[in-house]
Amino acid sequence: PPPKEAILLLGSSSFTMWTDVHNYFPEKTFINRAFGGSSLLDLNLYSNELLAPYQPKQIVIYCGENDIANNAKAKTVLNRFKNFYKEIRKYHPNIPVEYVSMKYSPSRENMWPQMKQANSLIQKYISKQKNIRYIDITKVMNDEKGNVRTDIFLEDMLHMKPEGYQLWTGVLAPYLK
């Protein structure tokens, strides 16, 4: 059986590929149920399978980037996120939820305007909800000139190297229960 009181990671490949997340947070217990290529549309479709079997102490979501890559507009991504958040609250009415902002992957630079808008809309929505926080990971991924660092990405310029996850660790640590 899955461990109780773990941190449930949900979302797309940026979490799926973080297979050694326990090494970055050795004092935490994780259940990683992210799956590559997933969108918020998928999380809604599989909400029962992703949420019902678990009794987590916290849920952390990284998702939305693939929605934009599949031509969803920012408002559509927001609505998909709202729907998934409602699903979370059906299964887990009181546990803390964290939403990690969409990163600006160099291979998807043409999509950054939609991602920025979606991040902003989601952040605004979250600010009016209870027991959920927005975590902006975009700034830590920039160089001193404010440009997205390419050295922290794999050759595909979409997925991250361990150095990218190390940056995320510093940002996420204060939010994890």
N, C-alpha and C. Protein backbone atom coordinates (compact mmCIF):
# COMPACT_ATOMS: atom_id res chain seq x y z
N PRO A 1 0.83 -1.20 0.00
CA PRO A 1 0.00 0.00 0.00
C PRO A 1 0.87 1.26 0.00
N PRO A 2 0.36 2.31 -0.60
CA PRO A 2 1.13 3.55 -0.61
C PRO A 2 1.25 4.12 0.81
N PRO A 3 2.36 4.77 1.09
CA PRO A 3 2.52 5.33 2.43
C PRO A 3 1.51 6.43 2.70
N LYS A 4 1.04 6.49 3.94
CA LYS A 4 0.14 7.58 4.35
C LYS A 4 1.00 8.76 4.78
N GLU A 5 0.40 9.93 4.72
CA GLU A 5 1.08 11.16 5.15
C GLU A 5 2.33 11.47 4.32
N ALA A 6 2.31 11.08 3.05
CA ALA A 6 3.41 11.41 2.13
C ALA A 6 3.02 12.66 1.34
N ILE A 7 3.98 13.17 0.60
CA ILE A 7 3.74 14.28 -0.31
C ILE A 7 3.45 13.67 -1.67
N LEU A 8 2.28 13.96 -2.20
CA LEU A 8 1.84 13.41 -3.48
C LEU A 8 2.22 14.38 -4.60
N LEU A 9 3.10 13.92 -5.50
CA LEU A 9 3.50 14.72 -6.65
C LEU A 9 2.63 14.34 -7.84
N LEU A 10 2.02 15.34 -8.45
CA LEU A 10 1.16 15.12 -9.61
C LEU A 10 1.56 16.05 -10.73
N GLY A 11 1.42 15.58 -11.96
CA GLY A 11 1.71 16.45 -13.08
C GLY A 11 2.43 15.74 -14.20
N SER A 12 3.28 16.49 -14.87
CA SER A 12 3.90 16.02 -16.10
C SER A 12 5.35 15.61 -15.90
N SER A 13 6.07 15.50 -17.01
CA SER A 13 7.40 14.89 -17.00
C SER A 13 8.43 15.61 -16.14
N SER A 14 8.25 16.89 -15.88
CA SER A 14 9.22 17.56 -15.00
C SER A 14 9.21 16.93 -13.61
N PHE A 15 8.09 16.38 -13.19
CA PHE A 15 8.05 15.61 -11.94
C PHE A 15 8.35 14.13 -12.21
N THR A 16 7.85 13.59 -13.31
CA THR A 16 8.10 12.19 -13.62
C THR A 16 9.59 11.88 -13.65
N MET A 17 10.34 12.78 -14.25
CA MET A 17 11.78 12.56 -14.43
C MET A 17 12.59 12.88 -13.17
N TRP A 18 11.93 13.40 -12.16
CA TRP A 18 12.61 13.67 -10.89
C TRP A 18 12.56 12.39 -10.06
N THR A 19 13.15 11.36 -10.57
CA THR A 19 13.07 10.03 -9.96
C THR A 19 13.81 9.94 -8.64
N ASP A 20 14.75 10.83 -8.42
CA ASP A 20 15.52 10.81 -7.17
C ASP A 20 15.14 11.97 -6.25
N VAL A 21 13.89 12.39 -6.32
CA VAL A 21 13.43 13.52 -5.49
C VAL A 21 13.73 13.29 -4.01
N HIS A 22 13.68 12.04 -3.58
CA HIS A 22 13.95 11.71 -2.17
C HIS A 22 15.39 12.06 -1.78
N ASN A 23 16.32 12.08 -2.77
CA ASN A 23 17.70 12.47 -2.47
C ASN A 23 17.82 13.97 -2.20
N TYR A 24 16.94 14.74 -2.79
CA TYR A 24 16.96 16.19 -2.61
C TYR A 24 16.28 16.59 -1.29
N PHE A 25 15.33 15.76 -0.88
CA PHE A 25 14.59 15.99 0.37
C PHE A 25 14.57 14.70 1.18
N PRO A 26 15.71 14.29 1.74
CA PRO A 26 15.80 12.97 2.39
C PRO A 26 14.87 12.80 3.59
N GLU A 27 14.43 13.88 4.20
CA GLU A 27 13.57 13.79 5.38
C GLU A 27 12.09 13.68 5.01
N LYS A 28 11.79 13.72 3.71
CA LYS A 28 10.40 13.69 3.25
C LYS A 28 10.08 12.35 2.58
N THR A 29 8.81 11.99 2.61
CA THR A 29 8.33 10.80 1.91
C THR A 29 7.45 11.26 0.75
N PHE A 30 7.72 10.74 -0.43
CA PHE A 30 6.99 11.15 -1.64
C PHE A 30 6.30 9.96 -2.29
N ILE A 31 5.19 10.27 -2.92
CA ILE A 31 4.53 9.38 -3.86
C ILE A 31 4.49 10.16 -5.16
N ASN A 32 5.21 9.70 -6.16
CA ASN A 32 5.27 10.42 -7.43
C ASN A 32 4.33 9.76 -8.42
N ARG A 33 3.22 10.43 -8.69
CA ARG A 33 2.23 9.90 -9.64
C ARG A 33 2.12 10.81 -10.87
N ALA A 34 3.18 11.54 -11.14
CA ALA A 34 3.24 12.33 -12.36
C ALA A 34 3.45 11.38 -13.53
N PHE A 35 3.01 11.79 -14.71
CA PHE A 35 3.25 10.96 -15.89
C PHE A 35 3.55 11.84 -17.09
N GLY A 36 4.54 11.41 -17.84
CA GLY A 36 5.07 12.18 -18.96
C GLY A 36 4.01 12.53 -19.99
N GLY A 37 4.09 13.76 -20.47
CA GLY A 37 3.16 14.24 -21.49
C GLY A 37 1.82 14.67 -20.95
N SER A 38 1.61 14.55 -19.65
CA SER A 38 0.29 14.85 -19.11
C SER A 38 0.00 16.35 -19.12
N SER A 39 -1.28 16.62 -19.22
CA SER A 39 -1.80 17.98 -19.19
C SER A 39 -2.80 18.07 -18.04
N LEU A 40 -3.23 19.26 -17.76
CA LEU A 40 -4.29 19.42 -16.75
C LEU A 40 -5.57 18.73 -17.20
N LEU A 41 -5.78 18.67 -18.49
CA LEU A 41 -6.92 17.92 -19.02
C LEU A 41 -6.82 16.46 -18.60
N ASP A 42 -5.61 15.89 -18.70
CA ASP A 42 -5.39 14.50 -18.28
C ASP A 42 -5.59 14.33 -16.78
N LEU A 43 -5.08 15.28 -15.99
CA LEU A 43 -5.25 15.17 -14.53
C LEU A 43 -6.73 15.16 -14.17
N ASN A 44 -7.52 15.94 -14.87
CA ASN A 44 -8.95 15.93 -14.62
C ASN A 44 -9.57 14.59 -15.03
N LEU A 45 -9.15 14.09 -16.17
CA LEU A 45 -9.68 12.82 -16.68
C LEU A 45 -9.38 11.66 -15.73
N TYR A 46 -8.18 11.68 -15.13
CA TYR A 46 -7.75 10.60 -14.25
C TYR A 46 -7.77 11.01 -12.77
N SER A 47 -8.58 11.97 -12.42
CA SER A 47 -8.57 12.48 -11.04
C SER A 47 -8.88 11.39 -10.02
N ASN A 48 -9.80 10.51 -10.31
CA ASN A 48 -10.13 9.45 -9.35
C ASN A 48 -8.91 8.56 -9.10
N GLU A 49 -8.23 8.14 -10.17
CA GLU A 49 -7.07 7.27 -10.02
C GLU A 49 -5.90 7.98 -9.34
N LEU A 50 -5.79 9.29 -9.56
CA LEU A 50 -4.67 10.05 -9.00
C LEU A 50 -4.90 10.47 -7.55
N LEU A 51 -6.16 10.58 -7.16
CA LEU A 51 -6.46 11.15 -5.83
C LEU A 51 -7.07 10.17 -4.85
N ALA A 52 -7.96 9.30 -5.29
CA ALA A 52 -8.70 8.44 -4.38
C ALA A 52 -7.84 7.45 -3.58
N PRO A 53 -6.82 6.83 -4.20
CA PRO A 53 -6.09 5.79 -3.46
C PRO A 53 -5.16 6.30 -2.35
N TYR A 54 -4.99 7.59 -2.25
CA TYR A 54 -3.93 8.12 -1.38
C TYR A 54 -4.48 8.93 -0.22
N GLN A 55 -3.70 8.94 0.85
CA GLN A 55 -3.99 9.77 2.02
C GLN A 55 -2.76 10.65 2.27
N PRO A 56 -2.49 11.57 1.34
CA PRO A 56 -1.28 12.38 1.47
C PRO A 56 -1.43 13.47 2.53
N LYS A 57 -0.30 13.98 2.97
CA LYS A 57 -0.36 15.14 3.86
C LYS A 57 -0.29 16.43 3.06
N GLN A 58 0.08 16.32 1.77
CA GLN A 58 0.22 17.48 0.91
C GLN A 58 0.22 17.01 -0.55
N ILE A 59 -0.26 17.87 -1.43
CA ILE A 59 -0.21 17.60 -2.87
C ILE A 59 0.58 18.73 -3.53
N VAL A 60 1.52 18.35 -4.39
CA VAL A 60 2.30 19.32 -5.15
C VAL A 60 2.08 19.02 -6.64
N ILE A 61 1.71 20.04 -7.39
CA ILE A 61 1.36 19.88 -8.80
C ILE A 61 2.34 20.65 -9.68
N TYR A 62 2.83 19.99 -10.72
CA TYR A 62 3.51 20.68 -11.81
C TYR A 62 2.84 20.25 -13.10
N CYS A 63 2.04 21.13 -13.68
CA CYS A 63 1.31 20.78 -14.89
C CYS A 63 0.82 22.05 -15.56
N GLY A 64 0.59 21.97 -16.85
CA GLY A 64 0.08 23.10 -17.62
C GLY A 64 0.89 23.37 -18.86
N GLU A 65 2.17 23.07 -18.78
CA GLU A 65 3.06 23.32 -19.91
C GLU A 65 2.61 22.53 -21.15
N ASN A 66 2.20 21.28 -20.96
CA ASN A 66 1.77 20.47 -22.10
C ASN A 66 0.41 20.92 -22.64
N ASP A 67 -0.41 21.52 -21.78
CA ASP A 67 -1.67 22.08 -22.27
C ASP A 67 -1.37 23.16 -23.31
N ILE A 68 -0.45 24.06 -22.95
CA ILE A 68 -0.08 25.15 -23.85
C ILE A 68 0.56 24.57 -25.13
N ALA A 69 1.41 23.56 -24.97
CA ALA A 69 2.06 22.93 -26.13
C ALA A 69 1.03 22.30 -27.06
N ASN A 70 -0.11 21.93 -26.52
CA ASN A 70 -1.19 21.35 -27.33
C ASN A 70 -2.23 22.40 -27.71
N ASN A 71 -1.78 23.67 -27.75
CA ASN A 71 -2.58 24.80 -28.26
C ASN A 71 -3.69 25.29 -27.35
N ALA A 72 -3.68 24.92 -26.08
CA ALA A 72 -4.66 25.50 -25.16
C ALA A 72 -4.23 26.93 -24.84
N LYS A 73 -5.19 27.81 -24.77
CA LYS A 73 -4.94 29.20 -24.41
C LYS A 73 -4.87 29.32 -22.89
N ALA A 74 -4.32 30.42 -22.43
CA ALA A 74 -4.11 30.62 -20.99
C ALA A 74 -5.40 30.48 -20.19
N LYS A 75 -6.49 31.03 -20.68
CA LYS A 75 -7.77 30.94 -19.93
C LYS A 75 -8.27 29.50 -19.86
N THR A 76 -8.02 28.74 -20.91
CA THR A 76 -8.40 27.32 -20.90
C THR A 76 -7.57 26.57 -19.85
N VAL A 77 -6.28 26.88 -19.78
CA VAL A 77 -5.41 26.25 -18.79
C VAL A 77 -5.91 26.60 -17.39
N LEU A 78 -6.24 27.86 -17.16
CA LEU A 78 -6.80 28.27 -15.87
C LEU A 78 -8.04 27.46 -15.54
N ASN A 79 -8.96 27.35 -16.46
CA ASN A 79 -10.21 26.61 -16.20
C ASN A 79 -9.94 25.14 -15.92
N ARG A 80 -8.99 24.56 -16.61
CA ARG A 80 -8.62 23.16 -16.35
C ARG A 80 -8.02 23.03 -14.95
N PHE A 81 -7.20 24.01 -14.57
CA PHE A 81 -6.63 23.99 -13.23
C PHE A 81 -7.73 24.12 -12.18
N LYS A 82 -8.65 25.05 -12.37
CA LYS A 82 -9.77 25.23 -11.42
C LYS A 82 -10.54 23.92 -11.26
N ASN A 83 -10.81 23.25 -12.36
CA ASN A 83 -11.54 21.98 -12.30
C ASN A 83 -10.76 20.94 -11.51
N PHE A 84 -9.46 20.86 -11.75
CA PHE A 84 -8.67 19.87 -11.02
C PHE A 84 -8.60 20.22 -9.54
N TYR A 85 -8.48 21.48 -9.24
CA TYR A 85 -8.46 21.89 -7.83
C TYR A 85 -9.77 21.50 -7.13
N LYS A 86 -10.89 21.64 -7.83
CA LYS A 86 -12.18 21.21 -7.27
C LYS A 86 -12.19 19.70 -7.04
N GLU A 87 -11.58 18.95 -7.97
CA GLU A 87 -11.47 17.50 -7.81
C GLU A 87 -10.63 17.16 -6.58
N ILE A 88 -9.52 17.85 -6.41
CA ILE A 88 -8.68 17.62 -5.23
C ILE A 88 -9.50 17.81 -3.97
N ARG A 89 -10.27 18.89 -3.93
CA ARG A 89 -11.03 19.21 -2.72
C ARG A 89 -12.16 18.21 -2.45
N LYS A 90 -12.64 17.52 -3.48
CA LYS A 90 -13.63 16.46 -3.27
C LYS A 90 -13.01 15.31 -2.47
N TYR A 91 -11.78 14.96 -2.80
CA TYR A 91 -11.10 13.83 -2.16
C TYR A 91 -10.34 14.23 -0.90
N HIS A 92 -9.80 15.42 -0.91
CA HIS A 92 -8.93 15.90 0.17
C HIS A 92 -9.29 17.35 0.51
N PRO A 93 -10.36 17.54 1.28
CA PRO A 93 -10.88 18.90 1.49
C PRO A 93 -9.95 19.84 2.24
N ASN A 94 -9.03 19.32 3.04
CA ASN A 94 -8.27 20.21 3.91
C ASN A 94 -6.76 20.18 3.77
N ILE A 95 -6.22 19.27 2.99
CA ILE A 95 -4.75 19.19 2.96
C ILE A 95 -4.16 20.34 2.14
N PRO A 96 -2.94 20.73 2.47
CA PRO A 96 -2.29 21.79 1.70
C PRO A 96 -1.98 21.34 0.27
N VAL A 97 -2.13 22.26 -0.65
CA VAL A 97 -1.83 22.03 -2.06
C VAL A 97 -0.86 23.11 -2.51
N GLU A 98 0.12 22.71 -3.29
CA GLU A 98 1.09 23.65 -3.86
C GLU A 98 1.05 23.50 -5.37
N TYR A 99 1.03 24.62 -6.07
CA TYR A 99 1.11 24.59 -7.53
C TYR A 99 2.43 25.23 -7.93
N VAL A 100 3.26 24.46 -8.64
CA VAL A 100 4.54 24.95 -9.13
C VAL A 100 4.31 25.56 -10.51
N SER A 101 4.72 26.80 -10.66
CA SER A 101 4.51 27.50 -11.93
C SER A 101 5.13 26.75 -13.10
N MET A 102 4.60 27.02 -14.28
CA MET A 102 5.20 26.45 -15.49
C MET A 102 6.57 27.08 -15.71
N LYS A 103 7.54 26.24 -16.02
CA LYS A 103 8.89 26.74 -16.33
C LYS A 103 8.92 27.18 -17.80
N TYR A 104 9.88 28.01 -18.11
CA TYR A 104 10.02 28.50 -19.49
C TYR A 104 11.13 27.70 -20.18
N SER A 105 10.73 26.56 -20.70
CA SER A 105 11.67 25.68 -21.38
C SER A 105 12.14 26.34 -22.68
N PRO A 106 13.45 26.36 -22.93
CA PRO A 106 13.96 27.00 -24.14
C PRO A 106 13.35 26.44 -25.43
N SER A 107 13.05 25.16 -25.47
CA SER A 107 12.48 24.57 -26.69
C SER A 107 11.05 25.05 -26.96
N ARG A 108 10.46 25.69 -25.98
CA ARG A 108 9.08 26.17 -26.12
C ARG A 108 8.99 27.69 -26.01
N GLU A 109 10.06 28.36 -26.41
CA GLU A 109 10.12 29.81 -26.26
C GLU A 109 8.95 30.52 -26.93
N ASN A 110 8.50 30.00 -28.06
CA ASN A 110 7.37 30.62 -28.75
C ASN A 110 6.08 30.54 -27.93
N MET A 111 6.04 29.70 -26.92
CA MET A 111 4.85 29.53 -26.07
C MET A 111 4.94 30.32 -24.77
N TRP A 112 6.08 30.94 -24.50
CA TRP A 112 6.25 31.65 -23.24
C TRP A 112 5.18 32.70 -22.97
N PRO A 113 4.75 33.48 -23.97
CA PRO A 113 3.69 34.46 -23.64
C PRO A 113 2.43 33.81 -23.07
N GLN A 114 1.99 32.69 -23.66
CA GLN A 114 0.81 31.99 -23.15
C GLN A 114 1.09 31.40 -21.76
N MET A 115 2.29 30.87 -21.57
CA MET A 115 2.66 30.30 -20.28
C MET A 115 2.68 31.39 -19.20
N LYS A 116 3.26 32.53 -19.53
CA LYS A 116 3.31 33.64 -18.57
C LYS A 116 1.91 34.09 -18.20
N GLN A 117 1.04 34.19 -19.20
CA GLN A 117 -0.33 34.59 -18.93
C GLN A 117 -1.05 33.53 -18.08
N ALA A 118 -0.87 32.28 -18.41
CA ALA A 118 -1.50 31.20 -17.64
C ALA A 118 -0.97 31.18 -16.21
N ASN A 119 0.35 31.32 -16.05
CA ASN A 119 0.92 31.38 -14.70
C ASN A 119 0.28 32.52 -13.91
N SER A 120 0.16 33.66 -14.53
CA SER A 120 -0.41 34.83 -13.85
C SER A 120 -1.87 34.59 -13.46
N LEU A 121 -2.66 34.03 -14.36
CA LEU A 121 -4.07 33.74 -14.08
C LEU A 121 -4.20 32.72 -12.94
N ILE A 122 -3.39 31.68 -12.98
CA ILE A 122 -3.44 30.65 -11.93
C ILE A 122 -3.01 31.24 -10.60
N GLN A 123 -1.96 32.06 -10.61
CA GLN A 123 -1.50 32.69 -9.37
C GLN A 123 -2.60 33.58 -8.77
N LYS A 124 -3.27 34.32 -9.61
CA LYS A 124 -4.36 35.19 -9.14
C LYS A 124 -5.50 34.36 -8.54
N TYR A 125 -5.86 33.29 -9.22
CA TYR A 125 -6.92 32.40 -8.72
C TYR A 125 -6.52 31.81 -7.37
N ILE A 126 -5.30 31.29 -7.28
CA ILE A 126 -4.83 30.66 -6.05
C ILE A 126 -4.82 31.65 -4.89
N SER A 127 -4.49 32.89 -5.16
CA SER A 127 -4.42 33.90 -4.09
C SER A 127 -5.77 34.11 -3.39
N LYS A 128 -6.84 33.68 -4.03
CA LYS A 128 -8.19 33.86 -3.46
C LYS A 128 -8.74 32.56 -2.86
N GLN A 129 -7.92 31.51 -2.87
CA GLN A 129 -8.34 30.21 -2.34
C GLN A 129 -7.67 29.95 -1.00
N LYS A 130 -8.22 28.99 -0.27
CA LYS A 130 -7.65 28.62 1.02
C LYS A 130 -6.81 27.36 0.90
N ASN A 131 -5.73 27.33 1.65
CA ASN A 131 -4.89 26.14 1.79
C ASN A 131 -4.24 25.69 0.49
N ILE A 132 -3.92 26.65 -0.36
CA ILE A 132 -3.19 26.37 -1.60
C ILE A 132 -2.25 27.55 -1.85
N ARG A 133 -1.04 27.21 -2.31
CA ARG A 133 -0.05 28.25 -2.58
C ARG A 133 0.54 28.07 -3.97
N TYR A 134 0.91 29.18 -4.55
CA TYR A 134 1.57 29.24 -5.85
C TYR A 134 3.06 29.36 -5.62
N ILE A 135 3.85 28.51 -6.27
CA ILE A 135 5.30 28.54 -6.14
C ILE A 135 5.91 28.94 -7.49
N ASP A 136 6.52 30.09 -7.53
CA ASP A 136 7.14 30.57 -8.77
C ASP A 136 8.57 30.04 -8.87
N ILE A 137 8.81 29.15 -9.82
CA ILE A 137 10.16 28.61 -10.01
C ILE A 137 10.86 29.26 -11.21
N THR A 138 10.20 30.22 -11.84
CA THR A 138 10.78 30.79 -13.06
C THR A 138 12.01 31.65 -12.78
N LYS A 139 11.98 32.45 -11.74
CA LYS A 139 13.07 33.38 -11.49
C LYS A 139 14.38 32.67 -11.16
N VAL A 140 14.32 31.59 -10.41
CA VAL A 140 15.53 30.87 -10.02
C VAL A 140 16.20 30.19 -11.23
N MET A 141 15.45 30.05 -12.31
CA MET A 141 15.97 29.40 -13.50
C MET A 141 16.61 30.39 -14.48
N ASN A 142 16.67 31.65 -14.07
CA ASN A 142 17.25 32.69 -14.91
C ASN A 142 18.70 32.98 -14.53
N ASP A 143 19.46 33.49 -15.50
CA ASP A 143 20.82 33.93 -15.21
C ASP A 143 20.80 35.34 -14.65
N GLU A 144 21.98 35.91 -14.41
CA GLU A 144 22.07 37.24 -13.79
C GLU A 144 21.49 38.33 -14.68
N LYS A 145 21.32 38.06 -15.97
CA LYS A 145 20.73 39.05 -16.89
C LYS A 145 19.22 38.86 -17.05
N GLY A 146 18.67 37.87 -16.35
CA GLY A 146 17.24 37.62 -16.43
C GLY A 146 16.82 36.70 -17.56
N ASN A 147 17.79 36.07 -18.21
CA ASN A 147 17.48 35.14 -19.30
C ASN A 147 17.41 33.71 -18.76
N VAL A 148 16.55 32.90 -19.36
CA VAL A 148 16.44 31.50 -18.96
C VAL A 148 17.77 30.80 -19.23
N ARG A 149 18.27 30.13 -18.21
CA ARG A 149 19.53 29.39 -18.33
C ARG A 149 19.31 28.13 -19.18
N THR A 150 20.13 27.95 -20.17
CA THR A 150 20.03 26.74 -20.99
C THR A 150 20.90 25.61 -20.44
N ASP A 151 21.87 25.95 -19.61
CA ASP A 151 22.80 24.95 -19.08
C ASP A 151 22.15 23.99 -18.08
N ILE A 152 20.96 24.30 -17.61
CA ILE A 152 20.28 23.44 -16.65
C ILE A 152 19.28 22.49 -17.32
N PHE A 153 19.25 22.55 -18.65
CA PHE A 153 18.34 21.70 -19.42
C PHE A 153 19.11 20.60 -20.14
N LEU A 154 18.43 19.47 -20.33
CA LEU A 154 18.98 18.40 -21.16
C LEU A 154 19.06 18.88 -22.61
N GLU A 155 19.61 18.05 -23.45
CA GLU A 155 19.79 18.41 -24.85
C GLU A 155 18.47 18.80 -25.53
N ASP A 156 17.35 18.24 -25.08
CA ASP A 156 16.06 18.55 -25.69
C ASP A 156 15.55 19.96 -25.35
N MET A 157 16.24 20.62 -24.41
CA MET A 157 15.88 21.97 -23.96
C MET A 157 14.45 22.04 -23.42
N LEU A 158 13.96 20.91 -22.96
CA LEU A 158 12.63 20.82 -22.37
C LEU A 158 12.70 20.28 -20.95
N HIS A 159 13.47 19.22 -20.78
CA HIS A 159 13.60 18.57 -19.48
C HIS A 159 14.89 19.02 -18.80
N MET A 160 14.91 18.91 -17.48
CA MET A 160 16.02 19.46 -16.72
C MET A 160 17.08 18.44 -16.33
N LYS A 161 18.28 18.96 -16.18
CA LYS A 161 19.41 18.22 -15.62
C LYS A 161 19.29 18.28 -14.09
N PRO A 162 20.10 17.51 -13.38
CA PRO A 162 20.10 17.60 -11.92
C PRO A 162 20.31 19.03 -11.41
N GLU A 163 21.09 19.83 -12.12
CA GLU A 163 21.32 21.21 -11.70
C GLU A 163 20.02 22.02 -11.67
N GLY A 164 19.13 21.73 -12.58
CA GLY A 164 17.82 22.38 -12.58
C GLY A 164 17.00 21.98 -11.37
N TYR A 165 17.01 20.68 -11.08
CA TYR A 165 16.28 20.20 -9.90
C TYR A 165 16.89 20.74 -8.61
N GLN A 166 18.20 20.94 -8.60
CA GLN A 166 18.82 21.52 -7.42
C GLN A 166 18.29 22.94 -7.18
N LEU A 167 18.12 23.69 -8.26
CA LEU A 167 17.54 25.03 -8.14
C LEU A 167 16.10 24.95 -7.61
N TRP A 168 15.34 24.01 -8.14
CA TRP A 168 13.96 23.84 -7.68
C TRP A 168 13.92 23.49 -6.19
N THR A 169 14.88 22.69 -5.75
CA THR A 169 14.92 22.25 -4.35
C THR A 169 14.94 23.45 -3.41
N GLY A 170 15.78 24.42 -3.72
CA GLY A 170 15.87 25.60 -2.86
C GLY A 170 14.57 26.37 -2.80
N VAL A 171 13.85 26.41 -3.90
CA VAL A 171 12.57 27.14 -3.94
C VAL A 171 11.47 26.34 -3.25
N LEU A 172 11.43 25.04 -3.49
CA LEU A 172 10.34 24.21 -2.96
C LEU A 172 10.47 23.91 -1.46
N ALA A 173 11.68 23.83 -0.98
CA ALA A 173 11.91 23.38 0.41
C ALA A 173 11.03 24.09 1.45
N PRO A 174 10.91 25.41 1.42
CA PRO A 174 10.10 26.07 2.46
C PRO A 174 8.61 25.73 2.39
N TYR A 175 8.15 25.19 1.27
CA TYR A 175 6.73 24.90 1.10
C TYR A 175 6.35 23.47 1.47
N LEU A 176 7.33 22.58 1.53
CA LEU A 176 7.01 21.17 1.76
C LEU A 176 6.78 20.88 3.23
N LYS A 177 5.75 20.09 3.49
CA LYS A 177 5.37 19.74 4.87
C LYS A 177 6.20 18.58 5.38
